[in-house]
Amino acid sequence: MTTFGVKQKELKNLTYQGVALWDSVGHMGLIAGLEETFNIMIETDDIIEFNSYKKGFEILKKYGIEL
């Protein structure tokens, strides 16, 4: 997935609003892309807490996704 157009080496420290494209609209695009890619439905609380690349991995584990 290349939602925010960042290089792989930049992902580790990526946070919400840390790049111009990860704003509220970009956030919902990211969530929609993850839901479609992994065929899951992310709960509202998890959408709100999904504020970094690292936190995203933690949240996806709750849905059985291990990357």
PDB file of N, CA and C in Angstrom:
ATOM      1  N   MET A   1       0.835  -1.171   0.000  1.00  0.00           N
ATOM      2  CA  MET A   1       0.000   0.000   0.000  1.00  0.00           C
ATOM      3  C   MET A   1       0.887   1.245   0.000  1.00  0.00           C
ATOM      4  N   THR A   2       0.575   2.191  -0.800  1.00  0.00           N
ATOM      5  CA  THR A   2       1.393   3.401  -0.913  1.00  0.00           C
ATOM      6  C   THR A   2       0.543   4.652  -0.707  1.00  0.00           C
ATOM      7  N   THR A   3      -0.269   4.647   0.290  1.00  0.00           N
ATOM      8  CA  THR A   3      -1.233   5.718   0.520  1.00  0.00           C
ATOM      9  C   THR A   3      -0.604   7.096   0.651  1.00  0.00           C
ATOM     10  N   PHE A   4       0.517   7.218   1.364  1.00  0.00           N
ATOM     11  CA  PHE A   4       1.084   8.531   1.630  1.00  0.00           C
ATOM     12  C   PHE A   4       2.335   8.842   0.830  1.00  0.00           C
ATOM     13  N   GLY A   5       2.753   7.945  -0.035  1.00  0.00           N
ATOM     14  CA  GLY A   5       3.895   8.187  -0.901  1.00  0.00           C
ATOM     15  C   GLY A   5       5.209   8.418  -0.175  1.00  0.00           C
ATOM     16  N   VAL A   6       5.416   7.741   0.945  1.00  0.00           N
ATOM     17  CA  VAL A   6       6.678   7.876   1.674  1.00  0.00           C
ATOM     18  C   VAL A   6       7.581   6.687   1.371  1.00  0.00           C
ATOM     19  N   LYS A   7       8.860   6.899   1.544  1.00  0.00           N
ATOM     20  CA  LYS A   7       9.823   5.828   1.312  1.00  0.00           C
ATOM     21  C   LYS A   7       9.796   4.838   2.484  1.00  0.00           C
ATOM     22  N   GLN A   8      10.165   3.598   2.201  1.00  0.00           N
ATOM     23  CA  GLN A   8      10.114   2.552   3.211  1.00  0.00           C
ATOM     24  C   GLN A   8      10.918   2.922   4.454  1.00  0.00           C
ATOM     25  N   LYS A   9      12.066   3.569   4.279  1.00  0.00           N
ATOM     26  CA  LYS A   9      12.894   3.930   5.428  1.00  0.00           C
ATOM     27  C   LYS A   9      12.221   4.980   6.317  1.00  0.00           C
ATOM     28  N   GLU A  10      11.228   5.680   5.796  1.00  0.00           N
ATOM     29  CA  GLU A  10      10.507   6.692   6.568  1.00  0.00           C
ATOM     30  C   GLU A  10       9.328   6.125   7.356  1.00  0.00           C
ATOM     31  N   LEU A  11       8.936   4.907   7.059  1.00  0.00           N
ATOM     32  CA  LEU A  11       7.746   4.327   7.676  1.00  0.00           C
ATOM     33  C   LEU A  11       7.859   4.160   9.179  1.00  0.00           C
ATOM     34  N   LYS A  12       9.020   3.739   9.649  1.00  0.00           N
ATOM     35  CA  LYS A  12       9.207   3.427  11.067  1.00  0.00           C
ATOM     36  C   LYS A  12       8.772   4.571  11.988  1.00  0.00           C
ATOM     37  N   ASN A  13       9.006   5.812  11.577  1.00  0.00           N
ATOM     38  CA  ASN A  13       8.688   6.973  12.404  1.00  0.00           C
ATOM     39  C   ASN A  13       7.457   7.738  11.921  1.00  0.00           C
ATOM     40  N   LEU A  14       6.697   7.152  11.006  1.00  0.00           N
ATOM     41  CA  LEU A  14       5.542   7.836  10.436  1.00  0.00           C
ATOM     42  C   LEU A  14       4.431   7.973  11.472  1.00  0.00           C
ATOM     43  N   THR A  15       3.897   9.199  11.591  1.00  0.00           N
ATOM     44  CA  THR A  15       2.804   9.459  12.525  1.00  0.00           C
ATOM     45  C   THR A  15       1.707  10.274  11.837  1.00  0.00           C
ATOM     46  N   TYR A  16       0.535  10.224  12.433  1.00  0.00           N
ATOM     47  CA  TYR A  16      -0.598  11.008  11.950  1.00  0.00           C
ATOM     48  C   TYR A  16      -0.194  12.481  11.890  1.00  0.00           C
ATOM     49  N   GLN A  17      -0.446  13.104  10.789  1.00  0.00           N
ATOM     50  CA  GLN A  17      -0.117  14.487  10.472  1.00  0.00           C
ATOM     51  C   GLN A  17       1.394  14.732  10.422  1.00  0.00           C
ATOM     52  N   GLY A  18       2.175  13.647  10.383  1.00  0.00           N
ATOM     53  CA  GLY A  18       3.615  13.765  10.240  1.00  0.00           C
ATOM     54  C   GLY A  18       4.043  14.023   8.805  1.00  0.00           C
ATOM     55  N   VAL A  19       3.145  13.763   7.872  1.00  0.00           N
ATOM     56  CA  VAL A  19       3.331  14.092   6.460  1.00  0.00           C
ATOM     57  C   VAL A  19       2.035  14.752   5.982  1.00  0.00           C
ATOM     58  N   ALA A  20       2.147  15.575   4.978  1.00  0.00           N
ATOM     59  CA  ALA A  20       0.987  16.349   4.514  1.00  0.00           C
ATOM     60  C   ALA A  20      -0.213  15.483   4.142  1.00  0.00           C
ATOM     61  N   LEU A  21       0.027  14.325   3.550  1.00  0.00           N
ATOM     62  CA  LEU A  21      -1.090  13.495   3.080  1.00  0.00           C
ATOM     63  C   LEU A  21      -1.799  12.714   4.187  1.00  0.00           C
ATOM     64  N   TRP A  22      -1.170  12.624   5.375  1.00  0.00           N
ATOM     65  CA  TRP A  22      -1.843  11.903   6.464  1.00  0.00           C
ATOM     66  C   TRP A  22      -2.594  12.903   7.329  1.00  0.00           C
ATOM     67  N   ASP A  23      -3.634  13.448   6.739  1.00  0.00           N
ATOM     68  CA  ASP A  23      -4.558  14.314   7.449  1.00  0.00           C
ATOM     69  C   ASP A  23      -5.825  13.507   7.711  1.00  0.00           C
ATOM     70  N   SER A  24      -6.904  14.142   8.110  1.00  0.00           N
ATOM     71  CA  SER A  24      -8.117  13.391   8.444  1.00  0.00           C
ATOM     72  C   SER A  24      -8.676  12.632   7.237  1.00  0.00           C
ATOM     73  N   VAL A  25      -8.612  13.233   6.062  1.00  0.00           N
ATOM     74  CA  VAL A  25      -9.101  12.561   4.850  1.00  0.00           C
ATOM     75  C   VAL A  25      -8.162  11.416   4.478  1.00  0.00           C
ATOM     76  N   GLY A  26      -6.870  11.661   4.530  1.00  0.00           N
ATOM     77  CA  GLY A  26      -5.888  10.611   4.254  1.00  0.00           C
ATOM     78  C   GLY A  26      -5.999   9.462   5.232  1.00  0.00           C
ATOM     79  N   HIS A  27      -6.329   9.791   6.477  1.00  0.00           N
ATOM     80  CA  HIS A  27      -6.481   8.756   7.507  1.00  0.00           C
ATOM     81  C   HIS A  27      -7.609   7.794   7.135  1.00  0.00           C
ATOM     82  N   MET A  28      -8.726   8.341   6.716  1.00  0.00           N
ATOM     83  CA  MET A  28      -9.854   7.493   6.348  1.00  0.00           C
ATOM     84  C   MET A  28      -9.550   6.684   5.091  1.00  0.00           C
ATOM     85  N   GLY A  29      -8.771   7.254   4.181  1.00  0.00           N
ATOM     86  CA  GLY A  29      -8.334   6.499   3.006  1.00  0.00           C
ATOM     87  C   GLY A  29      -7.435   5.341   3.395  1.00  0.00           C
ATOM     88  N   LEU A  30      -6.545   5.586   4.355  1.00  0.00           N
ATOM     89  CA  LEU A  30      -5.664   4.531   4.863  1.00  0.00           C
ATOM     90  C   LEU A  30      -6.482   3.405   5.485  1.00  0.00           C
ATOM     91  N   ILE A  31      -7.425   3.768   6.336  1.00  0.00           N
ATOM     92  CA  ILE A  31      -8.263   2.765   7.003  1.00  0.00           C
ATOM     93  C   ILE A  31      -9.060   1.968   5.972  1.00  0.00           C
ATOM     94  N   ALA A  32      -9.656   2.653   5.019  1.00  0.00           N
ATOM     95  CA  ALA A  32     -10.432   1.970   3.972  1.00  0.00           C
ATOM     96  C   ALA A  32      -9.545   1.012   3.180  1.00  0.00           C
ATOM     97  N   GLY A  33      -8.330   1.448   2.878  1.00  0.00           N
ATOM     98  CA  GLY A  33      -7.399   0.592   2.140  1.00  0.00           C
ATOM     99  C   GLY A  33      -7.005  -0.646   2.929  1.00  0.00           C
ATOM    100  N   LEU A  34      -6.772  -0.468   4.215  1.00  0.00           N
ATOM    101  CA  LEU A  34      -6.430  -1.617   5.069  1.00  0.00           C
ATOM    102  C   LEU A  34      -7.605  -2.586   5.173  1.00  0.00           C
ATOM    103  N   GLU A  35      -8.797  -2.045   5.361  1.00  0.00           N
ATOM    104  CA  GLU A  35      -9.982  -2.898   5.460  1.00  0.00           C
ATOM    105  C   GLU A  35     -10.186  -3.695   4.179  1.00  0.00           C
ATOM    106  N   GLU A  36     -10.016  -3.056   3.055  1.00  0.00           N
ATOM    107  CA  GLU A  36     -10.193  -3.745   1.773  1.00  0.00           C
ATOM    108  C   GLU A  36      -9.086  -4.773   1.540  1.00  0.00           C
ATOM    109  N   THR A  37      -7.854  -4.387   1.797  1.00  0.00           N
ATOM    110  CA  THR A  37      -6.718  -5.277   1.563  1.00  0.00           C
ATOM    111  C   THR A  37      -6.795  -6.541   2.403  1.00  0.00           C
ATOM    112  N   PHE A  38      -7.153  -6.368   3.685  1.00  0.00           N
ATOM    113  CA  PHE A  38      -7.142  -7.503   4.612  1.00  0.00           C
ATOM    114  C   PHE A  38      -8.526  -8.071   4.885  1.00  0.00           C
ATOM    115  N   ASN A  39      -9.544  -7.540   4.217  1.00  0.00           N
ATOM    116  CA  ASN A  39     -10.917  -8.011   4.378  1.00  0.00           C
ATOM    117  C   ASN A  39     -11.326  -8.022   5.849  1.00  0.00           C
ATOM    118  N   ILE A  40     -11.145  -6.868   6.494  1.00  0.00           N
ATOM    119  CA  ILE A  40     -11.513  -6.692   7.893  1.00  0.00           C
ATOM    120  C   ILE A  40     -12.359  -5.441   8.021  1.00  0.00           C
ATOM    121  N   MET A  41     -12.980  -5.258   9.193  1.00  0.00           N
ATOM    122  CA  MET A  41     -13.724  -4.045   9.512  1.00  0.00           C
ATOM    123  C   MET A  41     -13.146  -3.517  10.818  1.00  0.00           C
ATOM    124  N   ILE A  42     -12.437  -2.397  10.735  1.00  0.00           N
ATOM    125  CA  ILE A  42     -11.761  -1.840  11.897  1.00  0.00           C
ATOM    126  C   ILE A  42     -12.755  -1.030  12.730  1.00  0.00           C
ATOM    127  N   GLU A  43     -12.779  -1.293  14.023  1.00  0.00           N
ATOM    128  CA  GLU A  43     -13.700  -0.620  14.935  1.00  0.00           C
ATOM    129  C   GLU A  43     -13.337   0.858  15.099  1.00  0.00           C
ATOM    130  N   THR A  44     -14.324   1.667  15.423  1.00  0.00           N
ATOM    131  CA  THR A  44     -14.144   3.112  15.553  1.00  0.00           C
ATOM    132  C   THR A  44     -13.028   3.475  16.526  1.00  0.00           C
ATOM    133  N   ASP A  45     -12.987   2.840  17.698  1.00  0.00           N
ATOM    134  CA  ASP A  45     -11.938   3.144  18.675  1.00  0.00           C
ATOM    135  C   ASP A  45     -10.555   2.876  18.097  1.00  0.00           C
ATOM    136  N   ASP A  46     -10.434   1.810  17.324  1.00  0.00           N
ATOM    137  CA  ASP A  46      -9.147   1.486  16.716  1.00  0.00           C
ATOM    138  C   ASP A  46      -8.784   2.482  15.619  1.00  0.00           C
ATOM    139  N   ILE A  47      -9.761   2.973  14.902  1.00  0.00           N
ATOM    140  CA  ILE A  47      -9.511   3.992  13.873  1.00  0.00           C
ATOM    141  C   ILE A  47      -8.945   5.249  14.528  1.00  0.00           C
ATOM    142  N   ILE A  48      -9.510   5.632  15.646  1.00  0.00           N
ATOM    143  CA  ILE A  48      -9.054   6.822  16.361  1.00  0.00           C
ATOM    144  C   ILE A  48      -7.650   6.622  16.921  1.00  0.00           C
ATOM    145  N   GLU A  49      -7.375   5.428  17.448  1.00  0.00           N
ATOM    146  CA  GLU A  49      -6.072   5.142  18.050  1.00  0.00           C
ATOM    147  C   GLU A  49      -4.965   4.894  17.025  1.00  0.00           C
ATOM    148  N   PHE A  50      -5.330   4.668  15.778  1.00  0.00           N
ATOM    149  CA  PHE A  50      -4.365   4.370  14.713  1.00  0.00           C
ATOM    150  C   PHE A  50      -3.645   5.670  14.337  1.00  0.00           C
ATOM    151  N   ASN A  51      -2.655   6.048  15.132  1.00  0.00           N
ATOM    152  CA  ASN A  51      -2.007   7.343  14.948  1.00  0.00           C
ATOM    153  C   ASN A  51      -0.530   7.266  14.566  1.00  0.00           C
ATOM    154  N   SER A  52      -0.054   6.063  14.314  1.00  0.00           N
ATOM    155  CA  SER A  52       1.336   5.907  13.885  1.00  0.00           C
ATOM    156  C   SER A  52       1.496   4.562  13.186  1.00  0.00           C
ATOM    157  N   TYR A  53       2.590   4.449  12.474  1.00  0.00           N
ATOM    158  CA  TYR A  53       2.927   3.187  11.803  1.00  0.00           C
ATOM    159  C   TYR A  53       3.037   2.069  12.829  1.00  0.00           C
ATOM    160  N   LYS A  54       3.739   2.347  13.928  1.00  0.00           N
ATOM    161  CA  LYS A  54       3.921   1.350  14.988  1.00  0.00           C
ATOM    162  C   LYS A  54       2.576   0.945  15.603  1.00  0.00           C
ATOM    163  N   LYS A  55       1.754   1.914  15.937  1.00  0.00           N
ATOM    164  CA  LYS A  55       0.450   1.624  16.535  1.00  0.00           C
ATOM    165  C   LYS A  55      -0.421   0.846  15.548  1.00  0.00           C
ATOM    166  N   GLY A  56      -0.270   1.124  14.272  1.00  0.00           N
ATOM    167  CA  GLY A  56      -1.027   0.399  13.255  1.00  0.00           C
ATOM    168  C   GLY A  56      -0.752  -1.097  13.296  1.00  0.00           C
ATOM    169  N   PHE A  57       0.508  -1.473  13.495  1.00  0.00           N
ATOM    170  CA  PHE A  57       0.847  -2.890  13.596  1.00  0.00           C
ATOM    171  C   PHE A  57       0.163  -3.531  14.796  1.00  0.00           C
ATOM    172  N   GLU A  58       0.156  -2.814  15.921  1.00  0.00           N
ATOM    173  CA  GLU A  58      -0.492  -3.326  17.134  1.00  0.00           C
ATOM    174  C   GLU A  58      -1.987  -3.537  16.895  1.00  0.00           C
ATOM    175  N   ILE A  59      -2.605  -2.571  16.266  1.00  0.00           N
ATOM    176  CA  ILE A  59      -4.045  -2.659  16.011  1.00  0.00           C
ATOM    177  C   ILE A  59      -4.358  -3.773  15.024  1.00  0.00           C
ATOM    178  N   LEU A  60      -3.580  -3.890  13.968  1.00  0.00           N
ATOM    179  CA  LEU A  60      -3.842  -4.944  12.988  1.00  0.00           C
ATOM    180  C   LEU A  60      -3.707  -6.335  13.597  1.00  0.00           C
ATOM    181  N   LYS A  61      -2.832  -6.507  14.566  1.00  0.00           N
ATOM    182  CA  LYS A  61      -2.692  -7.799  15.248  1.00  0.00           C
ATOM    183  C   LYS A  61      -3.995  -8.211  15.913  1.00  0.00           C
ATOM    184  N   LYS A  62      -4.739  -7.236  16.409  1.00  0.00           N
ATOM    185  CA  LYS A  62      -6.043  -7.530  17.033  1.00  0.00           C
ATOM    186  C   LYS A  62      -7.003  -8.191  16.042  1.00  0.00           C
ATOM    187  N   TYR A  63      -6.777  -7.934  14.764  1.00  0.00           N
ATOM    188  CA  TYR A  63      -7.651  -8.472  13.712  1.00  0.00           C
ATOM    189  C   TYR A  63      -7.026  -9.689  13.022  1.00  0.00           C
ATOM    190  N   GLY A  64      -5.995 -10.226  13.638  1.00  0.00           N
ATOM    191  CA  GLY A  64      -5.359 -11.431  13.102  1.00  0.00           C
ATOM    192  C   GLY A  64      -4.381 -11.165  11.967  1.00  0.00           C
ATOM    193  N   ILE A  65      -3.984  -9.915  11.777  1.00  0.00           N
ATOM    194  CA  ILE A  65      -3.047  -9.562  10.704  1.00  0.00           C
ATOM    195  C   ILE A  65      -1.658  -9.409  11.305  1.00  0.00           C
ATOM    196  N   GLU A  66      -0.727 -10.260  10.898  1.00  0.00           N
ATOM    197  CA  GLU A  66       0.658 -10.199  11.371  1.00  0.00           C
ATOM    198  C   GLU A  66       1.545  -9.965  10.160  1.00  0.00           C
ATOM    199  N   LEU A  67       2.244  -8.849  10.162  1.00  0.00           N
ATOM    200  CA  LEU A  67       3.112  -8.494   9.045  1.00  0.00           C
ATOM    201  C   LEU A  67       4.563  -8.593   9.435  1.00  0.00           C
TER     202      LEU A  67
END
